[in-house]
Protein backbone atom coordinates (compact mmCIF):
# COMPACT_ATOMS: atom_id res chain seq x y z
CA MET A 1 37.93 37.32 -14.00
CA THR A 2 34.50 35.95 -13.88
CA LEU A 3 34.29 32.03 -14.12
CA THR A 4 30.64 31.98 -14.98
CA GLY A 5 31.37 30.96 -19.17
CA PRO A 6 34.04 28.65 -18.32
CA VAL A 7 32.06 26.56 -15.77
CA LEU A 8 28.60 26.98 -17.98
CA ALA A 9 30.79 25.55 -21.14
CA ALA A 10 32.49 22.79 -18.79
CA LEU A 11 29.25 21.65 -17.42
CA ALA A 12 27.75 21.45 -20.87
CA VAL A 13 30.51 18.87 -21.87
CA LEU A 14 29.95 16.96 -18.76
CA ALA A 15 26.29 16.70 -19.35
CA SER A 16 26.68 15.54 -22.53
CA ALA A 17 29.34 12.71 -21.46
CA VAL A 18 26.72 11.55 -18.71
CA LEU A 19 23.77 11.78 -20.97
CA GLY A 20 25.91 9.38 -23.60
CA ALA A 21 27.09 6.90 -20.59
CA GLN A 22 23.36 6.56 -19.10
CA THR A 23 22.08 6.09 -22.38
CA TYR A 24 24.64 3.15 -23.31
CA ALA A 25 25.02 1.65 -20.03
CA PRO A 26 22.88 -1.34 -20.97
CA TYR A 27 25.53 -2.10 -23.51
CA GLY A 28 28.55 -2.44 -20.85
CA ALA A 29 30.76 -0.34 -19.28
CA GLU A 30 33.46 0.20 -21.97
CA THR A 31 30.83 1.04 -24.89
CA ALA A 32 29.05 3.65 -22.34
CA LEU A 33 32.65 5.22 -21.91
CA GLY A 34 33.38 5.66 -25.47
CA ILE A 35 29.69 6.88 -26.62
CA ALA A 36 30.42 9.37 -23.48
CA LEU A 37 33.80 10.34 -24.65
CA GLY A 38 32.26 10.76 -28.38
CA ALA A 39 29.26 12.85 -27.12
CA ALA A 40 31.48 15.04 -24.95
CA SER A 41 34.04 15.73 -27.80
CA ILE A 42 31.00 17.02 -30.33
CA THR A 43 29.91 19.12 -27.42
CA ALA A 44 33.18 20.60 -26.90
CA MET A 45 33.59 21.35 -30.87
CA SER A 46 30.17 22.78 -31.00
CA LEU A 47 30.89 25.24 -28.42
CA ALA A 48 34.43 26.23 -29.68
CA LEU A 49 32.83 26.94 -32.76
CA MET A 50 29.89 29.21 -31.27
CA LEU A 51 32.47 31.21 -29.19
CA ALA A 52 34.34 31.39 -32.20
CA ALA A 53 31.39 33.48 -33.64
CA ARG A 54 32.49 36.16 -31.16
CA PRO A 55 28.43 36.64 -29.30
CA ARG A 56 28.86 40.07 -27.91
CA LEU A 57 26.10 39.11 -25.40
CA VAL A 58 27.99 36.02 -24.26
CA GLU A 59 31.44 38.00 -23.75
CA PRO A 60 30.55 39.29 -20.25
CA PHE A 61 30.20 35.75 -18.52
CA PHE A 62 33.61 35.08 -19.86
CA GLY A 63 35.35 38.56 -18.41
CA GLY A 64 35.98 39.74 -22.05
CA LEU A 65 36.82 38.22 -25.59
CA ASP A 66 40.41 37.50 -24.65
CA ARG A 67 39.32 35.00 -21.77
CA MET A 68 36.49 33.66 -24.20
CA TYR A 69 38.91 33.17 -26.58
CA GLY A 70 41.12 31.24 -24.24
CA VAL A 71 38.21 28.82 -23.56
CA HIS A 72 37.40 28.54 -26.94
CA LYS A 73 40.98 27.37 -27.51
CA TRP A 74 40.71 24.76 -24.64
CA LEU A 75 37.50 23.31 -25.71
CA GLY A 76 39.13 22.80 -28.92
CA ILE A 77 42.15 21.07 -27.40
CA ALA A 78 39.77 18.88 -25.25
CA ALA A 79 37.43 18.06 -28.24
CA LEU A 80 40.57 16.70 -29.93
CA ALA A 81 41.68 14.65 -26.80
CA LEU A 82 38.09 13.55 -26.57
CA MET A 83 38.01 12.57 -30.04
CA ILE A 84 41.05 10.23 -29.91
CA ALA A 85 39.74 8.99 -26.76
CA HIS A 86 36.46 8.01 -28.33
CA ASN A 87 38.48 6.47 -31.54
CA THR A 88 40.54 4.33 -28.90
CA VAL A 89 37.65 2.83 -26.66
CA GLU A 90 35.72 2.02 -29.75
CA PRO A 91 32.18 1.16 -28.46
CA GLU A 92 31.28 -2.44 -29.39
CA LEU A 93 27.80 -2.47 -30.92
CA GLU A 94 28.44 -4.75 -33.73
CA ASP A 95 26.12 -7.63 -32.22
CA VAL A 96 23.35 -5.37 -31.46
CA VAL A 97 23.08 -2.85 -34.55
CA ARG A 98 21.71 -3.83 -37.85
CA GLU A 99 24.59 -2.51 -40.11
CA THR A 100 23.65 -0.17 -43.20
CA GLY A 101 26.07 1.25 -46.02
CA LEU A 102 25.10 4.75 -44.47
CA GLY A 103 26.32 3.78 -41.04
CA GLU A 104 29.46 2.47 -42.47
CA VAL A 105 29.92 5.75 -44.39
CA ALA A 106 29.65 7.44 -41.38
CA ALA A 107 32.25 5.24 -39.61
CA ASP A 108 34.68 6.07 -42.16
CA LEU A 109 34.09 9.88 -42.23
CA GLY A 110 34.69 9.81 -38.67
CA GLU A 111 38.34 8.82 -39.24
CA VAL A 112 38.78 11.39 -41.78
CA ALA A 113 37.25 14.03 -39.11
CA LEU A 114 39.84 12.54 -36.74
CA ASN A 115 42.82 12.80 -38.92
CA GLY A 116 41.36 16.45 -40.01
CA PHE A 117 41.37 17.88 -36.64
CA ILE A 118 44.45 16.62 -35.16
CA GLY A 119 46.25 18.83 -38.06
CA LEU A 120 44.08 21.78 -37.71
CA ILE A 121 44.70 21.52 -33.73
CA LEU A 122 48.47 21.20 -34.21
CA ILE A 123 48.38 24.36 -36.49
CA SER A 124 46.27 26.37 -33.95
CA TRP A 125 48.51 25.35 -30.95
CA VAL A 126 52.18 25.74 -32.87
CA LYS A 127 52.23 29.60 -33.09
CA ARG A 128 56.29 29.51 -32.97
CA LEU A 129 58.02 26.60 -34.32
CA PRO A 130 59.79 24.62 -31.51
CA PHE A 131 63.64 25.24 -31.45
CA THR A 132 63.33 27.69 -34.01
CA ARG A 133 62.77 31.43 -34.26
CA LEU A 134 60.16 31.05 -37.22
CA GLU A 135 56.77 31.99 -36.25
CA LEU A 136 53.57 30.32 -38.33
CA PRO A 137 52.69 33.36 -40.32
CA TRP A 138 49.22 34.80 -39.21
CA PRO A 139 47.36 34.11 -42.70
CA ILE A 140 48.16 30.13 -42.59
CA TRP A 141 47.13 29.97 -38.81
CA ARG A 142 43.95 31.82 -39.80
CA PHE A 143 42.96 30.04 -43.27
CA SER A 144 43.33 26.95 -41.33
CA HIS A 145 40.62 27.90 -38.98
CA ARG A 146 38.13 28.19 -41.97
CA PHE A 147 38.13 24.31 -42.61
CA THR A 148 36.90 23.65 -38.70
CA GLY A 149 33.30 23.80 -39.62
CA LEU A 150 33.81 21.54 -42.56
CA LEU A 151 35.33 18.92 -40.49
CA PHE A 152 32.60 19.46 -37.63
CA ALA A 153 29.94 19.02 -40.30
CA VAL A 154 31.59 15.55 -41.10
CA THR A 155 31.73 14.73 -37.26
CA ALA A 156 28.01 15.94 -36.89
CA PHE A 157 27.17 13.60 -39.93
CA HIS A 158 29.18 10.86 -38.15
CA GLN A 159 27.27 11.06 -34.84
CA LEU A 160 23.82 11.40 -36.74
CA ALA A 161 24.09 8.53 -39.18
CA ILE A 162 26.39 5.95 -37.46
CA ASP A 163 24.42 2.61 -36.66
CA LYS A 164 22.81 2.57 -33.45
CA PRO A 165 20.72 0.08 -31.41
CA ALA A 166 16.88 0.49 -32.11
CA GLY A 167 14.83 2.49 -30.10
CA ILE A 168 17.81 4.16 -28.33
CA GLY A 169 19.48 7.66 -27.85
CA GLY A 170 16.25 10.12 -27.61
CA SER A 171 17.48 12.52 -25.11
CA LEU A 172 21.14 12.13 -26.21
CA ASP A 173 20.45 12.49 -30.15
CA LEU A 174 18.26 15.76 -29.34
CA TYR A 175 21.03 17.22 -27.11
CA LEU A 176 23.91 16.70 -29.67
CA ASN A 177 21.80 17.41 -32.58
CA THR A 178 20.93 20.52 -31.15
CA LEU A 179 24.68 21.43 -30.58
CA SER A 180 25.60 20.33 -33.71
CA LEU A 181 23.28 22.70 -35.61
CA ALA A 182 24.11 25.45 -33.23
CA GLY A 183 27.70 25.04 -33.88
CA LEU A 184 27.41 24.73 -37.90
CA GLY A 185 24.89 27.66 -37.69
CA ALA A 186 27.76 29.56 -35.72
CA TRP A 187 30.29 28.26 -38.38
CA VAL A 188 28.11 29.67 -41.30
CA PHE A 189 27.57 32.96 -39.44
CA THR A 190 31.19 33.50 -38.84
CA GLN A 191 32.47 32.83 -42.35
CA PHE A 192 29.39 33.97 -44.68
CA VAL A 193 27.53 36.58 -43.03
CA ALA A 194 29.22 38.17 -40.51
CA PRO A 195 32.07 39.42 -42.51
CA PHE A 196 29.10 41.57 -44.07
CA LEU A 197 26.85 42.30 -41.64
CA ARG A 198 29.21 43.26 -38.55
CA PRO A 199 31.52 45.96 -39.99
CA ARG A 200 31.08 49.46 -40.31
CA PRO A 201 32.68 51.59 -43.03
CA TYR A 202 35.26 54.30 -41.62
CA ILE A 203 37.47 56.79 -43.47
CA VAL A 204 41.15 57.18 -43.21
CA GLU A 205 41.17 61.05 -41.97
CA ARG A 206 44.96 61.26 -41.07
CA ILE A 207 48.20 59.23 -40.23
CA ASP A 208 50.43 60.32 -37.93
CA ARG A 209 54.05 58.57 -37.46
CA HIS A 210 56.03 58.84 -34.49
CA GLY A 211 59.09 56.22 -35.16
CA PRO A 212 58.14 52.97 -34.89
CA VAL A 213 54.45 53.88 -34.27
CA ALA A 214 51.68 55.28 -36.53
CA GLU A 215 48.64 56.72 -35.26
CA ILE A 216 45.82 56.34 -37.60
CA THR A 217 42.53 58.43 -36.82
CA LEU A 218 39.46 57.29 -38.33
CA ARG A 219 36.05 59.19 -39.08
CA PRO A 220 32.49 57.28 -39.36
CA GLU A 221 30.86 56.72 -42.82
CA GLY A 222 27.53 56.69 -41.24
CA ARG A 223 26.45 55.33 -37.81
CA ALA A 224 29.58 55.65 -35.88
CA LEU A 225 30.96 52.81 -33.10
CA ARG A 226 29.88 53.13 -29.64
CA TRP A 227 32.54 51.85 -27.25
CA ARG A 228 33.78 52.47 -23.80
CA PRO A 229 37.34 53.59 -22.97
CA GLY A 230 39.51 50.49 -22.98
CA GLN A 231 37.90 48.33 -25.81
CA PHE A 232 39.06 47.44 -28.83
CA ALA A 233 37.53 46.73 -32.54
CA PHE A 234 38.77 44.60 -35.52
CA VAL A 235 40.09 46.48 -38.27
CA ALA A 236 40.07 45.49 -41.89
CA ALA A 237 41.11 47.10 -44.86
CA PRO A 238 39.95 45.52 -48.35
CA ASP A 239 40.88 48.34 -50.28
CA ALA A 240 44.48 48.27 -49.31
CA GLY A 241 44.75 44.49 -49.85
CA LEU A 242 44.45 43.78 -46.01
CA ALA A 243 40.87 41.82 -45.73
CA GLU A 244 41.75 39.89 -42.86
CA ALA A 245 40.53 41.82 -39.64
CA HIS A 246 42.90 42.17 -36.69
CA PRO A 247 42.36 43.60 -33.48
CA PHE A 248 43.61 47.16 -32.31
CA THR A 249 42.75 48.70 -28.88
CA ILE A 250 40.69 52.24 -29.52
CA ALA A 251 43.36 54.73 -28.39
CA ALA A 252 41.20 57.52 -27.72
CA ALA A 253 37.82 58.19 -25.64
CA PRO A 254 34.53 58.53 -27.41
CA ASP A 255 33.75 61.86 -28.91
CA ALA A 256 30.55 63.57 -30.08
CA GLU A 257 31.82 62.41 -34.00
CA GLY A 258 32.73 59.06 -33.34
CA ARG A 259 36.21 59.40 -34.38
CA LEU A 260 38.36 56.44 -33.73
CA ARG A 261 42.11 56.65 -32.83
CA LEU A 262 44.51 53.79 -33.05
CA GLY A 263 47.98 53.17 -32.38
CA VAL A 264 49.69 50.85 -34.94
CA LYS A 265 53.40 49.20 -34.01
CA ALA A 266 54.63 46.77 -36.72
CA LEU A 267 54.31 43.60 -34.71
CA GLY A 268 53.98 41.48 -37.48
CA ASP A 269 53.58 41.57 -41.34
CA TRP A 270 49.99 42.89 -41.34
CA THR A 271 50.66 45.65 -38.67
CA ARG A 272 54.04 46.75 -40.92
CA ARG A 273 51.96 46.82 -43.89
CA LEU A 274 49.07 48.64 -42.62
CA PRO A 275 50.19 52.17 -42.29
CA ASP A 276 52.15 52.13 -45.44
CA ARG A 277 49.22 51.12 -47.46
CA LEU A 278 46.59 53.45 -46.00
CA THR A 279 46.12 56.87 -47.45
CA PRO A 280 43.60 59.83 -46.18
CA GLY A 281 40.32 59.24 -47.65
CA GLN A 282 40.64 55.56 -47.92
CA ARG A 283 37.54 53.07 -46.46
CA VAL A 284 38.35 50.71 -43.44
CA ARG A 285 36.09 48.16 -42.16
CA ILE A 286 35.48 48.24 -38.49
CA GLU A 287 33.98 45.65 -36.14
CA GLY A 288 33.39 45.93 -32.48
CA PRO A 289 33.53 47.05 -29.71
CA TYR A 290 34.97 43.97 -27.74
CA GLY A 291 36.67 43.81 -24.20
CA ARG A 292 36.17 43.99 -20.54
CA PHE A 293 39.33 46.01 -19.83
CA LEU A 294 37.49 49.36 -18.45
CA PHE A 295 38.17 51.73 -15.80
CA ARG A 296 37.28 50.63 -12.47
CA LYS A 297 36.40 53.84 -10.46
CA ARG A 298 35.96 51.85 -7.00
CA ALA A 299 39.62 51.40 -6.83
CA ARG A 300 41.08 54.41 -4.98
CA GLN A 301 44.56 53.83 -6.02
CA GLN A 302 45.79 52.44 -9.49
CA VAL A 303 48.86 51.73 -11.05
CA TRP A 304 48.29 51.78 -14.86
CA LEU A 305 51.46 49.52 -16.25
CA ALA A 306 51.88 49.86 -19.97
CA GLY A 307 54.64 48.12 -22.17
CA GLY A 308 55.30 49.40 -25.40
CA ILE A 309 52.13 49.82 -27.53
CA GLY A 310 50.08 48.43 -24.45
CA ILE A 311 49.77 51.95 -23.73
CA THR A 312 46.73 52.43 -25.92
CA PRO A 313 43.92 51.43 -23.62
CA PHE A 314 45.60 53.76 -20.85
CA LEU A 315 45.26 56.78 -23.31
CA ALA A 316 41.93 56.40 -23.53
CA TRP A 317 41.44 55.94 -19.90
CA ALA A 318 43.77 59.08 -18.99
CA GLU A 319 41.36 61.10 -21.99
CA ALA A 320 38.06 59.99 -20.23
CA LEU A 321 39.04 61.20 -16.67
CA THR A 322 36.58 63.92 -15.20
CA PRO A 323 36.84 65.98 -12.16
CA THR A 324 34.56 63.96 -9.90
CA ASP A 325 37.24 61.10 -10.55
CA ARG A 326 39.42 61.49 -7.65
CA GLN A 327 41.68 58.40 -7.96
CA GLN A 328 45.22 58.31 -7.44
CA ILE A 329 46.85 56.85 -10.38
CA ALA A 330 50.49 56.08 -11.27
CA LEU A 331 50.69 55.53 -15.03
CA ILE A 332 54.05 53.80 -15.82
CA TRP A 333 54.73 53.34 -19.41
CA ALA A 334 57.93 51.23 -20.27
CA VAL A 335 59.47 51.58 -23.88
CA THR A 336 62.70 50.54 -25.77
CA THR A 337 63.58 54.06 -26.94
CA ARG A 338 62.27 57.34 -26.60
CA ALA A 339 60.81 57.82 -30.16
CA GLU A 340 58.45 54.66 -29.15
CA ALA A 341 56.82 57.01 -26.44
CA PHE A 342 54.47 58.61 -29.13
CA ALA A 343 52.19 59.92 -26.66
CA ALA A 344 54.35 61.35 -23.68
CA GLU A 345 53.30 64.88 -24.50
CA ARG A 346 49.72 63.98 -24.52
CA LEU A 347 49.77 62.24 -21.31
CA ALA A 348 51.62 65.09 -19.90
CA ALA A 349 48.93 67.64 -20.70
CA MET A 350 46.50 65.23 -19.30
CA ALA A 351 47.96 64.86 -15.84
CA ALA A 352 48.24 68.57 -16.05
CA ARG A 353 44.55 68.49 -15.94
CA HIS A 354 44.30 66.09 -13.65
CA PRO A 355 45.98 66.19 -10.51
CA GLY A 356 45.48 62.43 -9.20
CA LEU A 357 47.50 61.25 -12.39
CA ASN A 358 51.05 60.95 -12.41
CA VAL A 359 52.74 59.64 -15.46
CA HIS A 360 56.39 58.04 -15.86
CA VAL A 361 57.88 57.16 -18.93
CA VAL A 362 60.86 54.54 -18.45
CA VAL A 363 63.08 54.17 -21.54
CA SER A 364 65.48 50.96 -21.49
CA ALA A 365 67.68 52.48 -23.91
CA GLU A 366 68.57 55.36 -22.04
CA GLY A 367 69.53 52.93 -18.98
CA ALA A 368 66.22 52.85 -17.16
CA ARG A 369 65.08 49.27 -17.54
CA LEU A 370 61.81 49.11 -15.66
CA ASN A 371 61.85 46.48 -12.99
CA ALA A 372 59.78 45.71 -9.79
CA GLU A 373 62.34 48.11 -7.60
CA ARG A 374 61.85 50.82 -9.92
CA LEU A 375 58.08 50.49 -10.28
CA ALA A 376 57.97 50.69 -6.29
CA ARG A 377 59.88 53.89 -6.36
CA LEU A 378 57.70 55.37 -9.02
CA VAL A 379 54.38 54.73 -7.26
CA PRO A 380 53.49 57.42 -4.81
CA PHE A 381 51.40 55.21 -2.46
CA ALA A 382 51.52 51.52 -0.84
CA LEU A 383 51.22 48.88 -3.71
CA PRO A 384 49.69 46.24 -1.56
CA GLY A 385 46.72 48.58 -0.92
CA ALA A 386 46.45 49.42 -4.76
CA ASP A 387 45.04 47.87 -8.12
CA LEU A 388 47.21 47.21 -10.79
CA PHE A 389 45.89 47.43 -14.60
CA TYR A 390 48.54 45.91 -17.16
CA CYS A 391 48.34 46.08 -20.78
CA GLY A 392 51.58 44.73 -22.64
CA PRO A 393 53.90 41.71 -23.47
CA ALA A 394 53.28 38.93 -20.80
CA GLY A 395 56.90 38.46 -20.11
CA LEU A 396 57.12 42.03 -18.65
CA ARG A 397 54.45 41.33 -16.51
CA ASP A 398 55.20 38.14 -15.09
CA ALA A 399 58.61 39.66 -14.43
CA ILE A 400 57.24 42.67 -12.55
CA LEU A 401 54.77 40.70 -10.48
CA ALA A 402 57.35 38.04 -9.30
CA GLY A 403 59.69 40.89 -8.06
CA LEU A 404 56.74 42.35 -6.36
CA LYS A 405 55.81 39.30 -4.65
CA THR A 406 59.57 38.87 -3.71
CA MET A 407 59.60 42.30 -2.24
CA GLY A 408 56.21 41.90 0.00
CA GLN A 409 54.52 44.55 -2.69
CA SER A 410 52.00 42.93 -4.21
CA PRO A 411 49.16 44.79 -5.54
CA ARG A 412 46.02 43.94 -4.06
CA ARG A 413 44.28 43.12 -7.39
CA VAL A 414 45.72 42.78 -10.82
CA HIS A 415 43.42 43.07 -13.84
CA ALA A 416 45.14 42.29 -17.24
CA GLU A 417 43.91 41.67 -20.85
CA ALA A 418 45.55 39.29 -23.38
CA PHE A 419 47.97 41.26 -25.31
CA GLU A 420 47.16 39.40 -28.74
CA LEU A 421 44.37 37.05 -29.65
CA ARG A 422 46.01 33.86 -30.97
C-alpha cells in the first residue's frame, strides 16, 4: 500500500489549518483556532469531492481506487468533525469587522451546511442499521451523495462572503477559494459530465448461468476498453432500468477483440436484477478500468485466496499466465456450495497448461470449511516465504490471517483489494 496519496491529502488539510491560524493570530488564540478548524474543514471537503471524481492519474498514489475511496470517506468524516469544532470554537470578530447583510446571510448558511453535512455523513457512515439486519438500500445511499456538492457550494459561499477584518486573508483566501473551485468543479464533472464522457458502449453477447452466479460476456461497440488482469470496471445498464453504475472485476484477460467477461452474484437488489433484465444484443455502459490489484511477477511463491465471487480477478490472472511465468502458485477458492464454483473446470484446464499453478476448490457445504490449518496443508510451499493475494469477504481474510499468525505461518506479504466500494 502506498502512503503518498493519504500523506499529501493530510498535508493539504494541515497546511490550510496552519495558514488560517497564522492569518488570524493577531486576533487571539481562540479566533485563530476557530479559523484554522474552518479552513481545514473546507480543504477536507474539497479533497473528498475531487477524489470522488475518480481521477485515474491520481489513483496510483493511493494504491488503487478502493484505497482512494477509503481516504475519501475519512476526509468526509474529518470535514464534519472539523466543521462541528469550528462551529463550537466560534471566532470572535464582531469588534473588528464591519458587519454586512451579505455576511449575515453567509453566517446563517453556514449553519444550514453544518446540519446538512451531519445528515449526509450519517447516511454515508451507517451502511447497516445498528442492532438490526436492515441494510441501507444502495439507491438511497448513492442518491444522498448527490447533494454533497450543493452543501459544499453553500460552505464555500460561507467562507467567501463571511465578514472579515479589513485587509486580511490574502493567501488564505487564495488557497481556500482555489480548493473550493476545484472541489465544485469535480462535483459538477462527476454529476453532469462524466456520465456522458467516460462510459463506453458494449453489447451483451451471452449470459451463462451457473447456479447462483451468472457470467456475462460483453463485446465492444466501437473502441474497446484496455485493461490489465485484475482490474475492474463500472457497469450500468440504462436500457434494463439499471442506470446506476456498479463495480465488477473483469474476469478475463484482455483479448484481441476487447471482450469483457463479468461474474455476477446476487449480493444485493441491483446484482440480483441485472442478469434477469439483460438479454443478448442489449447495450450496457462500461467505465474503467480501475484498480491496482495486479499480478506481481517478482513474487516467486504466491497464494491466491478467493472467497466466493472474489475469484474473478484470479480468473483473469490465471488466464493471462504465459510459459515465461514460472512462479509457484497455489489458488485456493472457498465456496459455500459446489454450484458456486462456476469456473472450476476452466481453472483446472488453466492449471493443466501451466505446471506452476495448483488449484483447490474448498466447498464448505461438503464439510470442507476453509481455515488456516487447511490452507497451510493445501499450499505446497512454506507460507512465511510467500506472498498472499486475497479477494473476498473481509471476515474470511481476517480469520485466515489470524489463524496463520497463531500457527507462526504468516505470509511474507499480504495484498488485498476491497471487496466492495461503499
